[in-house]
Amino acid sequence: MSLRSLTAAAGAALGATVLLIAVPGSAFAASGQFRYSYTTADGYEAVGFLNNPTSGRCINLATPAAEPGSVSRAPKNHTDATAIVFLATNCEGDTYYVLPPGRGASDRLLVRSVVFS
């Protein structure tokens, strides 16, 4: 291999490295699962979950089989990130609870949205 080929290859490798550092990657996600309970419109108990949720973005908890406007409860944070759960949608309001990684809360804790750190 000639010196010119080696120089070109080194330049290409350096350029690729700079490009990888300069271009932002995908959003950070918490690893694991976040679970919550809710009651369906037919009165059955159900469990909702989020797998590897995106961090730093508010997530309104979907309860597809529940009455519109119903509240979820008993969140369980089986992720590696801290979860902050809110009683209101869109992670708004003064009523919230901090769930460290690997922790859960009782059935009395009502939630409508969550954000992960």
N, C-alpha and C. Protein backbone atom coordinates (compact mmCIF):
# COMPACT_ATOMS: atom_id res chain seq x y z
N MET A 1 0.85 -1.16 0.00
CA MET A 1 0.00 0.00 0.00
C MET A 1 0.90 1.23 0.00
N SER A 2 0.58 2.19 -0.81
CA SER A 2 1.42 3.37 -0.93
C SER A 2 1.11 4.36 0.18
N LEU A 3 2.02 5.30 0.37
CA LEU A 3 1.85 6.35 1.38
C LEU A 3 0.62 7.20 1.06
N ARG A 4 0.40 7.43 -0.23
CA ARG A 4 -0.76 8.23 -0.63
C ARG A 4 -2.07 7.52 -0.26
N SER A 5 -2.17 6.21 -0.44
CA SER A 5 -3.36 5.44 -0.08
C SER A 5 -3.58 5.46 1.42
N LEU A 6 -2.48 5.32 2.18
CA LEU A 6 -2.59 5.35 3.64
C LEU A 6 -3.09 6.71 4.12
N THR A 7 -2.58 7.79 3.52
CA THR A 7 -2.99 9.13 3.90
C THR A 7 -4.47 9.35 3.59
N ALA A 8 -4.90 8.89 2.42
CA ALA A 8 -6.31 9.03 2.04
C ALA A 8 -7.21 8.24 2.99
N ALA A 9 -6.79 7.03 3.35
CA ALA A 9 -7.59 6.20 4.26
C ALA A 9 -7.67 6.83 5.64
N ALA A 10 -6.56 7.36 6.12
CA ALA A 10 -6.54 8.01 7.43
C ALA A 10 -7.42 9.26 7.42
N GLY A 11 -7.37 10.01 6.34
CA GLY A 11 -8.22 11.21 6.22
C GLY A 11 -9.69 10.84 6.20
N ALA A 12 -10.03 9.78 5.50
CA ALA A 12 -11.43 9.34 5.44
C ALA A 12 -11.90 8.87 6.81
N ALA A 13 -11.05 8.13 7.52
CA ALA A 13 -11.42 7.65 8.85
C ALA A 13 -11.60 8.82 9.83
N LEU A 14 -10.70 9.80 9.76
CA LEU A 14 -10.82 10.98 10.62
C LEU A 14 -12.09 11.76 10.30
N GLY A 15 -12.41 11.91 9.02
CA GLY A 15 -13.62 12.61 8.63
C GLY A 15 -14.88 11.90 9.11
N ALA A 16 -14.88 10.57 9.04
CA ALA A 16 -16.03 9.80 9.52
C ALA A 16 -16.19 9.94 11.03
N THR A 17 -15.08 9.94 11.75
CA THR A 17 -15.13 10.10 13.20
C THR A 17 -15.68 11.46 13.58
N VAL A 18 -15.23 12.51 12.92
CA VAL A 18 -15.72 13.86 13.20
C VAL A 18 -17.21 13.95 12.89
N LEU A 19 -17.64 13.31 11.80
CA LEU A 19 -19.06 13.33 11.43
C LEU A 19 -19.91 12.61 12.48
N LEU A 20 -19.43 11.49 12.99
CA LEU A 20 -20.18 10.76 14.02
C LEU A 20 -20.31 11.57 15.30
N ILE A 21 -19.29 12.31 15.66
CA ILE A 21 -19.34 13.13 16.86
C ILE A 21 -20.26 14.33 16.66
N ALA A 22 -20.25 14.91 15.48
CA ALA A 22 -21.02 16.13 15.22
C ALA A 22 -22.51 15.87 15.04
N VAL A 23 -22.89 14.70 14.52
CA VAL A 23 -24.29 14.40 14.26
C VAL A 23 -24.90 13.79 15.51
N PRO A 24 -25.96 14.40 16.05
CA PRO A 24 -26.55 13.85 17.26
C PRO A 24 -27.17 12.49 17.00
N GLY A 25 -27.10 11.62 18.00
CA GLY A 25 -27.68 10.29 17.89
C GLY A 25 -29.15 10.32 18.24
N SER A 26 -29.72 9.15 18.39
CA SER A 26 -31.13 9.07 18.75
C SER A 26 -31.32 9.51 20.20
N ALA A 27 -32.55 9.83 20.55
CA ALA A 27 -32.85 10.30 21.90
C ALA A 27 -32.55 9.20 22.91
N PHE A 28 -32.11 9.61 24.08
CA PHE A 28 -31.81 8.68 25.14
C PHE A 28 -33.10 8.04 25.63
N ALA A 29 -33.07 6.76 25.85
CA ALA A 29 -34.26 6.06 26.35
C ALA A 29 -33.91 5.34 27.64
N ALA A 30 -34.86 5.31 28.54
CA ALA A 30 -34.71 4.52 29.76
C ALA A 30 -34.81 3.05 29.37
N SER A 31 -33.99 2.22 29.96
CA SER A 31 -34.04 0.78 29.67
C SER A 31 -34.95 0.11 30.67
N GLY A 32 -35.85 -0.70 30.18
CA GLY A 32 -36.75 -1.43 31.05
C GLY A 32 -38.20 -1.12 30.75
N GLN A 33 -39.05 -1.45 31.71
CA GLN A 33 -40.49 -1.29 31.50
C GLN A 33 -41.13 -0.50 32.64
N PHE A 34 -42.06 0.36 32.28
CA PHE A 34 -42.86 1.12 33.23
C PHE A 34 -44.28 0.57 33.13
N ARG A 35 -44.87 0.19 34.28
CA ARG A 35 -46.21 -0.40 34.28
C ARG A 35 -47.17 0.45 35.10
N TYR A 36 -48.43 0.36 34.75
CA TYR A 36 -49.49 1.03 35.50
C TYR A 36 -50.78 0.24 35.33
N SER A 37 -51.68 0.38 36.28
CA SER A 37 -52.96 -0.33 36.25
C SER A 37 -54.09 0.64 35.92
N TYR A 38 -55.17 0.10 35.36
CA TYR A 38 -56.37 0.89 35.11
C TYR A 38 -57.56 -0.06 35.02
N THR A 39 -58.74 0.49 35.08
CA THR A 39 -59.97 -0.29 34.97
C THR A 39 -60.58 -0.04 33.60
N THR A 40 -60.95 -1.12 32.92
CA THR A 40 -61.53 -0.97 31.58
C THR A 40 -62.97 -0.46 31.70
N ALA A 41 -63.53 -0.07 30.58
CA ALA A 41 -64.91 0.41 30.55
C ALA A 41 -65.89 -0.69 30.98
N ASP A 42 -65.48 -1.96 30.84
CA ASP A 42 -66.31 -3.08 31.26
C ASP A 42 -66.09 -3.47 32.72
N GLY A 43 -65.19 -2.74 33.41
CA GLY A 43 -64.95 -3.01 34.82
C GLY A 43 -63.85 -4.00 35.13
N TYR A 44 -63.08 -4.39 34.12
CA TYR A 44 -61.99 -5.33 34.34
C TYR A 44 -60.70 -4.59 34.69
N GLU A 45 -59.86 -5.23 35.48
CA GLU A 45 -58.55 -4.68 35.79
C GLU A 45 -57.61 -4.96 34.62
N ALA A 46 -56.81 -3.99 34.24
CA ALA A 46 -55.87 -4.14 33.13
C ALA A 46 -54.55 -3.48 33.50
N VAL A 47 -53.50 -3.87 32.78
CA VAL A 47 -52.16 -3.31 33.00
C VAL A 47 -51.68 -2.71 31.69
N GLY A 48 -51.23 -1.46 31.76
CA GLY A 48 -50.60 -0.80 30.63
C GLY A 48 -49.10 -0.77 30.87
N PHE A 49 -48.33 -0.62 29.83
CA PHE A 49 -46.88 -0.56 30.01
C PHE A 49 -46.21 0.24 28.91
N LEU A 50 -45.03 0.75 29.24
CA LEU A 50 -44.16 1.45 28.31
C LEU A 50 -42.83 0.71 28.30
N ASN A 51 -42.39 0.26 27.15
CA ASN A 51 -41.09 -0.41 27.04
C ASN A 51 -40.04 0.58 26.57
N ASN A 52 -38.92 0.66 27.31
CA ASN A 52 -37.81 1.54 26.97
C ASN A 52 -38.28 2.94 26.60
N PRO A 53 -38.99 3.61 27.51
CA PRO A 53 -39.55 4.93 27.19
C PRO A 53 -38.47 5.99 26.96
N THR A 54 -38.78 6.93 26.09
CA THR A 54 -37.88 8.04 25.79
C THR A 54 -37.74 8.94 27.01
N SER A 55 -36.53 9.34 27.32
CA SER A 55 -36.29 10.22 28.45
C SER A 55 -36.47 11.68 28.06
N GLY A 56 -36.90 12.50 29.03
CA GLY A 56 -37.01 13.92 28.81
C GLY A 56 -38.24 14.36 28.04
N ARG A 57 -39.15 13.44 27.75
CA ARG A 57 -40.36 13.76 27.00
C ARG A 57 -41.57 13.29 27.79
N CYS A 58 -42.55 14.15 27.95
CA CYS A 58 -43.76 13.79 28.68
C CYS A 58 -44.56 12.76 27.89
N ILE A 59 -45.03 11.73 28.60
CA ILE A 59 -45.84 10.69 27.97
C ILE A 59 -47.17 10.62 28.72
N ASN A 60 -48.26 10.87 28.00
CA ASN A 60 -49.59 10.68 28.58
C ASN A 60 -49.90 9.19 28.54
N LEU A 61 -50.33 8.65 29.67
CA LEU A 61 -50.55 7.22 29.77
C LEU A 61 -51.84 6.83 29.07
N ALA A 62 -51.71 6.00 28.08
CA ALA A 62 -52.85 5.55 27.30
C ALA A 62 -53.57 4.43 28.02
N THR A 63 -54.86 4.53 28.09
CA THR A 63 -55.71 3.48 28.64
C THR A 63 -56.77 3.18 27.60
N PRO A 64 -56.42 2.44 26.56
CA PRO A 64 -57.28 2.29 25.40
C PRO A 64 -58.66 1.69 25.68
N ALA A 65 -58.77 0.83 26.68
CA ALA A 65 -60.05 0.18 26.94
C ALA A 65 -60.81 0.83 28.09
N ALA A 66 -60.30 1.96 28.59
CA ALA A 66 -60.93 2.61 29.74
C ALA A 66 -61.86 3.73 29.29
N GLU A 67 -62.65 4.19 30.22
CA GLU A 67 -63.51 5.34 29.96
C GLU A 67 -62.64 6.56 29.65
N PRO A 68 -63.04 7.41 28.72
CA PRO A 68 -62.27 8.63 28.45
C PRO A 68 -62.12 9.46 29.73
N GLY A 69 -60.92 9.95 29.94
CA GLY A 69 -60.64 10.79 31.11
C GLY A 69 -60.38 10.02 32.38
N SER A 70 -60.35 8.69 32.31
CA SER A 70 -60.10 7.91 33.51
C SER A 70 -58.64 8.04 33.94
N VAL A 71 -58.41 7.68 35.19
CA VAL A 71 -57.08 7.84 35.78
C VAL A 71 -56.44 6.46 35.96
N SER A 72 -55.15 6.37 35.66
CA SER A 72 -54.39 5.16 35.92
C SER A 72 -53.91 5.19 37.36
N ARG A 73 -53.39 4.07 37.84
CA ARG A 73 -52.94 4.00 39.22
C ARG A 73 -51.82 2.97 39.35
N ALA A 74 -51.24 2.93 40.54
CA ALA A 74 -50.23 1.94 40.92
C ALA A 74 -49.07 1.85 39.93
N PRO A 75 -48.37 2.95 39.66
CA PRO A 75 -47.24 2.88 38.73
C PRO A 75 -46.07 2.08 39.31
N LYS A 76 -45.39 1.37 38.43
CA LYS A 76 -44.22 0.58 38.82
C LYS A 76 -43.10 0.89 37.83
N ASN A 77 -42.02 1.42 38.35
CA ASN A 77 -40.91 1.85 37.52
C ASN A 77 -39.82 0.78 37.48
N HIS A 78 -39.89 -0.10 36.49
CA HIS A 78 -38.89 -1.14 36.31
C HIS A 78 -37.86 -0.73 35.26
N THR A 79 -37.56 0.58 35.20
CA THR A 79 -36.55 1.09 34.27
C THR A 79 -35.30 1.47 35.05
N ASP A 80 -34.27 1.89 34.34
CA ASP A 80 -33.04 2.34 34.98
C ASP A 80 -33.00 3.86 35.15
N ALA A 81 -34.14 4.54 34.94
CA ALA A 81 -34.21 6.00 35.06
C ALA A 81 -35.26 6.37 36.11
N THR A 82 -35.15 7.57 36.65
CA THR A 82 -36.15 8.08 37.57
C THR A 82 -37.38 8.49 36.79
N ALA A 83 -38.56 8.11 37.29
CA ALA A 83 -39.83 8.47 36.66
C ALA A 83 -40.55 9.47 37.55
N ILE A 84 -41.02 10.55 36.95
CA ILE A 84 -41.84 11.51 37.68
C ILE A 84 -43.24 11.39 37.11
N VAL A 85 -44.18 10.95 37.95
CA VAL A 85 -45.56 10.74 37.51
C VAL A 85 -46.42 11.90 37.97
N PHE A 86 -47.36 12.29 37.12
CA PHE A 86 -48.23 13.44 37.38
C PHE A 86 -49.69 13.00 37.39
N LEU A 87 -50.48 13.63 38.24
CA LEU A 87 -51.92 13.39 38.26
C LEU A 87 -52.57 13.99 37.01
N ALA A 88 -52.04 15.09 36.51
CA ALA A 88 -52.59 15.76 35.32
C ALA A 88 -51.92 15.24 34.05
N THR A 89 -52.58 15.44 32.92
CA THR A 89 -51.99 15.10 31.63
C THR A 89 -50.91 16.13 31.29
N ASN A 90 -50.09 15.79 30.32
CA ASN A 90 -49.03 16.66 29.79
C ASN A 90 -48.00 17.05 30.85
N CYS A 91 -47.87 16.24 31.90
CA CYS A 91 -46.87 16.47 32.96
C CYS A 91 -46.99 17.87 33.56
N GLU A 92 -48.22 18.29 33.77
CA GLU A 92 -48.48 19.62 34.31
C GLU A 92 -49.06 19.51 35.71
N GLY A 93 -49.00 20.61 36.43
CA GLY A 93 -49.63 20.68 37.74
C GLY A 93 -48.64 20.46 38.88
N ASP A 94 -49.16 20.70 40.08
CA ASP A 94 -48.34 20.60 41.29
C ASP A 94 -48.44 19.23 41.95
N THR A 95 -49.28 18.35 41.43
CA THR A 95 -49.43 17.03 42.03
C THR A 95 -48.62 16.03 41.22
N TYR A 96 -47.49 15.63 41.79
CA TYR A 96 -46.61 14.66 41.14
C TYR A 96 -45.90 13.82 42.19
N TYR A 97 -45.28 12.74 41.75
CA TYR A 97 -44.58 11.83 42.65
C TYR A 97 -43.34 11.33 41.92
N VAL A 98 -42.24 11.23 42.63
CA VAL A 98 -40.97 10.78 42.04
C VAL A 98 -40.78 9.29 42.37
N LEU A 99 -40.62 8.48 41.33
CA LEU A 99 -40.37 7.05 41.48
C LEU A 99 -38.95 6.73 41.04
N PRO A 100 -38.08 6.39 41.98
CA PRO A 100 -36.72 6.00 41.60
C PRO A 100 -36.73 4.70 40.79
N PRO A 101 -35.64 4.39 40.11
CA PRO A 101 -35.57 3.14 39.34
C PRO A 101 -35.85 1.93 40.23
N GLY A 102 -36.63 0.99 39.70
CA GLY A 102 -36.92 -0.24 40.42
C GLY A 102 -37.96 -0.13 41.51
N ARG A 103 -38.66 0.98 41.62
CA ARG A 103 -39.65 1.18 42.69
C ARG A 103 -41.06 1.25 42.12
N GLY A 104 -42.01 0.96 42.98
CA GLY A 104 -43.42 1.04 42.62
C GLY A 104 -44.18 1.80 43.68
N ALA A 105 -45.43 2.11 43.40
CA ALA A 105 -46.28 2.83 44.34
C ALA A 105 -47.57 2.04 44.53
N SER A 106 -48.31 2.42 45.53
CA SER A 106 -49.54 1.72 45.87
C SER A 106 -50.66 2.02 44.88
N ASP A 107 -51.76 1.29 45.01
CA ASP A 107 -52.94 1.52 44.17
C ASP A 107 -53.55 2.89 44.40
N ARG A 108 -53.21 3.52 45.50
CA ARG A 108 -53.80 4.83 45.81
C ARG A 108 -53.17 5.96 45.00
N LEU A 109 -51.97 5.73 44.44
CA LEU A 109 -51.32 6.79 43.65
C LEU A 109 -51.93 6.81 42.24
N LEU A 110 -52.60 7.91 41.93
CA LEU A 110 -53.26 8.08 40.64
C LEU A 110 -52.35 8.87 39.69
N VAL A 111 -52.29 8.45 38.43
CA VAL A 111 -51.40 9.08 37.46
C VAL A 111 -52.06 9.19 36.09
N ARG A 112 -51.69 10.25 35.36
CA ARG A 112 -52.14 10.42 33.98
C ARG A 112 -50.98 10.63 33.01
N SER A 113 -49.81 11.03 33.52
CA SER A 113 -48.66 11.26 32.64
C SER A 113 -47.37 11.00 33.40
N VAL A 114 -46.29 10.81 32.64
CA VAL A 114 -44.99 10.50 33.24
C VAL A 114 -43.88 11.06 32.37
N VAL A 115 -42.78 11.44 33.01
CA VAL A 115 -41.56 11.84 32.30
C VAL A 115 -40.39 11.13 32.98
N PHE A 116 -39.42 10.68 32.18
CA PHE A 116 -38.26 9.97 32.69
C PHE A 116 -37.02 10.84 32.59
N SER A 117 -36.15 10.76 33.60
CA SER A 117 -34.92 11.55 33.59
C SER A 117 -33.78 10.79 32.96
